[in-house]
Amino acid sequence: MPPYMTCPAQPNITIMNKMYTLTVRDIIAGRGKHTQAHPANIIYRWIIRLNQSIFCDAPSDGSKGRIGKWTLAKIRQVLRGFFLRKSIQCAADGTKQVAWSILDDQTCLKKVLHALR
């Protein structure tokens, strides 16, 4: 097998130690056409757009943080899915496999706050 098709020996790295299967209700973290076209990401961006003016008009960082938390709660209430990040894992035979890692709450909030800016 060519070297570019194999993975170095390293442990699987997951966030929250949980691997997950992607569904249409899950928000994909990252960039690219696949991410932009995913149904949950389209709804996510719509909810973000609805709350951007409220966020921008907020007088302080504390109120912006509360708006971010509220927006994250609304996203989870509407979609009932997870924020996921694609990760490449190495199988025992050295081939690469795609897996989805669930992001922790703090990372999700950072992503929402960044999108609201």
Protein backbone atom coordinates (compact mmCIF):
# COMPACT_ATOMS: atom_id res chain seq x y z
CA MET A 1 0.00 0.00 0.00
CA PRO A 2 1.39 3.46 -0.89
CA PRO A 3 2.47 5.61 2.08
CA TYR A 4 -0.16 8.28 1.43
CA MET A 5 -2.92 5.66 1.91
CA THR A 6 -1.77 4.62 5.38
CA CYS A 7 -2.12 6.34 8.72
CA PRO A 8 0.49 6.76 11.40
CA ALA A 9 -0.17 4.73 14.52
CA GLN A 10 -2.01 7.04 16.90
CA PRO A 11 -5.02 6.72 19.16
CA ASN A 12 -8.45 7.79 17.94
CA ILE A 13 -9.08 11.34 19.02
CA THR A 14 -12.69 12.18 19.72
CA ILE A 15 -14.39 15.07 21.42
CA MET A 16 -16.45 13.94 24.40
CA ASN A 17 -15.18 10.39 23.68
CA LYS A 18 -18.21 9.65 21.50
CA MET A 19 -18.35 8.78 17.84
CA TYR A 20 -21.57 9.37 15.97
CA THR A 21 -23.27 8.73 12.64
CA LEU A 22 -24.23 11.84 10.68
CA THR A 23 -27.97 12.54 10.25
CA VAL A 24 -29.90 15.34 8.51
CA ARG A 25 -30.53 16.97 11.93
CA ASP A 26 -26.82 17.40 12.74
CA ILE A 27 -24.81 20.57 12.13
CA ILE A 28 -21.47 19.96 10.46
CA ALA A 29 -18.60 22.13 11.67
CA GLY A 30 -16.19 23.14 8.95
CA ARG A 31 -16.05 24.65 5.50
CA GLY A 32 -16.89 23.55 2.01
CA LYS A 33 -19.74 22.67 -0.30
CA HIS A 34 -20.79 19.57 1.65
CA THR A 35 -21.07 21.57 4.85
CA GLN A 36 -22.95 24.47 3.25
CA ALA A 37 -25.48 22.22 1.51
CA HIS A 38 -26.27 20.02 4.52
CA PRO A 39 -29.96 20.55 5.54
CA ALA A 40 -29.25 21.25 9.22
CA ASN A 41 -26.54 23.77 8.33
CA ILE A 42 -29.01 25.66 6.14
CA ILE A 43 -31.45 25.92 9.09
CA TYR A 44 -28.55 26.82 11.42
CA ARG A 45 -27.53 29.74 9.18
CA TRP A 46 -31.17 30.89 8.98
CA ILE A 47 -31.47 30.97 12.80
CA ILE A 48 -28.14 32.80 13.02
CA ARG A 49 -29.33 35.43 10.51
CA LEU A 50 -32.52 35.97 12.50
CA ASN A 51 -30.51 36.77 15.64
CA GLN A 52 -27.58 38.74 14.18
CA SER A 53 -29.19 42.17 14.49
CA ILE A 54 -30.16 41.51 18.13
CA PHE A 55 -26.60 40.38 18.83
CA CYS A 56 -25.02 43.39 17.11
CA ASP A 57 -27.28 45.83 18.97
CA ALA A 58 -26.49 44.30 22.38
CA PRO A 59 -24.74 46.85 24.62
CA SER A 60 -22.24 44.60 26.41
CA ASP A 61 -20.27 41.39 26.15
CA GLY A 62 -22.39 39.87 28.93
CA SER A 63 -25.61 40.42 27.04
CA LYS A 64 -23.98 39.16 23.83
CA GLY A 65 -23.00 35.99 25.68
CA ARG A 66 -26.59 35.50 26.87
CA ILE A 67 -27.87 36.04 23.32
CA GLY A 68 -25.35 33.46 22.09
CA LYS A 69 -26.50 30.92 24.68
CA TRP A 70 -30.15 31.60 23.85
CA THR A 71 -29.41 31.19 20.10
CA LEU A 72 -27.61 27.90 20.76
CA ALA A 73 -30.58 26.66 22.80
CA LYS A 74 -32.97 27.62 19.97
CA ILE A 75 -30.80 25.81 17.41
CA ARG A 76 -30.81 22.67 19.55
CA GLN A 77 -34.55 22.96 20.17
CA VAL A 78 -35.36 23.28 16.46
CA LEU A 79 -32.90 20.76 15.04
CA ARG A 80 -32.59 18.29 17.94
CA GLY A 81 -29.25 17.22 16.55
CA PHE A 82 -25.57 17.55 17.43
CA PHE A 83 -22.72 19.76 16.30
CA LEU A 84 -20.31 17.37 14.60
CA ARG A 85 -16.76 17.54 13.31
CA LYS A 86 -15.44 15.17 10.69
CA SER A 87 -12.43 13.16 11.77
CA ILE A 88 -10.31 10.70 9.88
CA GLN A 89 -9.51 7.50 11.73
CA CYS A 90 -7.10 4.74 10.96
CA ALA A 91 -8.40 1.20 10.76
CA ALA A 92 -6.36 -1.78 11.92
CA ASP A 93 -5.38 -2.51 8.30
CA GLY A 94 -4.00 1.04 7.87
CA THR A 95 -6.83 2.45 5.73
CA LYS A 96 -8.47 5.77 6.50
CA GLN A 97 -12.09 5.93 7.63
CA VAL A 98 -14.35 8.94 8.14
CA ALA A 99 -15.99 9.32 11.55
CA TRP A 100 -18.01 12.10 13.18
CA SER A 101 -17.11 13.52 16.59
CA ILE A 102 -19.65 15.33 18.77
CA LEU A 103 -18.45 18.78 19.83
CA ASP A 104 -18.68 19.83 23.46
CA ASP A 105 -20.99 22.65 24.62
CA GLN A 106 -18.25 25.25 24.99
CA THR A 107 -17.01 24.69 21.43
CA CYS A 108 -20.59 24.86 20.10
CA LEU A 109 -21.13 28.18 21.91
CA LYS A 110 -17.88 29.58 20.45
CA LYS A 111 -19.03 28.62 16.97
CA VAL A 112 -22.45 30.23 17.46
CA LEU A 113 -20.91 33.43 18.88
CA HIS A 114 -18.48 33.60 15.97
CA ALA A 115 -21.30 33.12 13.45
CA LEU A 116 -23.35 35.88 15.10
CA ARG A 117 -20.58 38.47 14.64
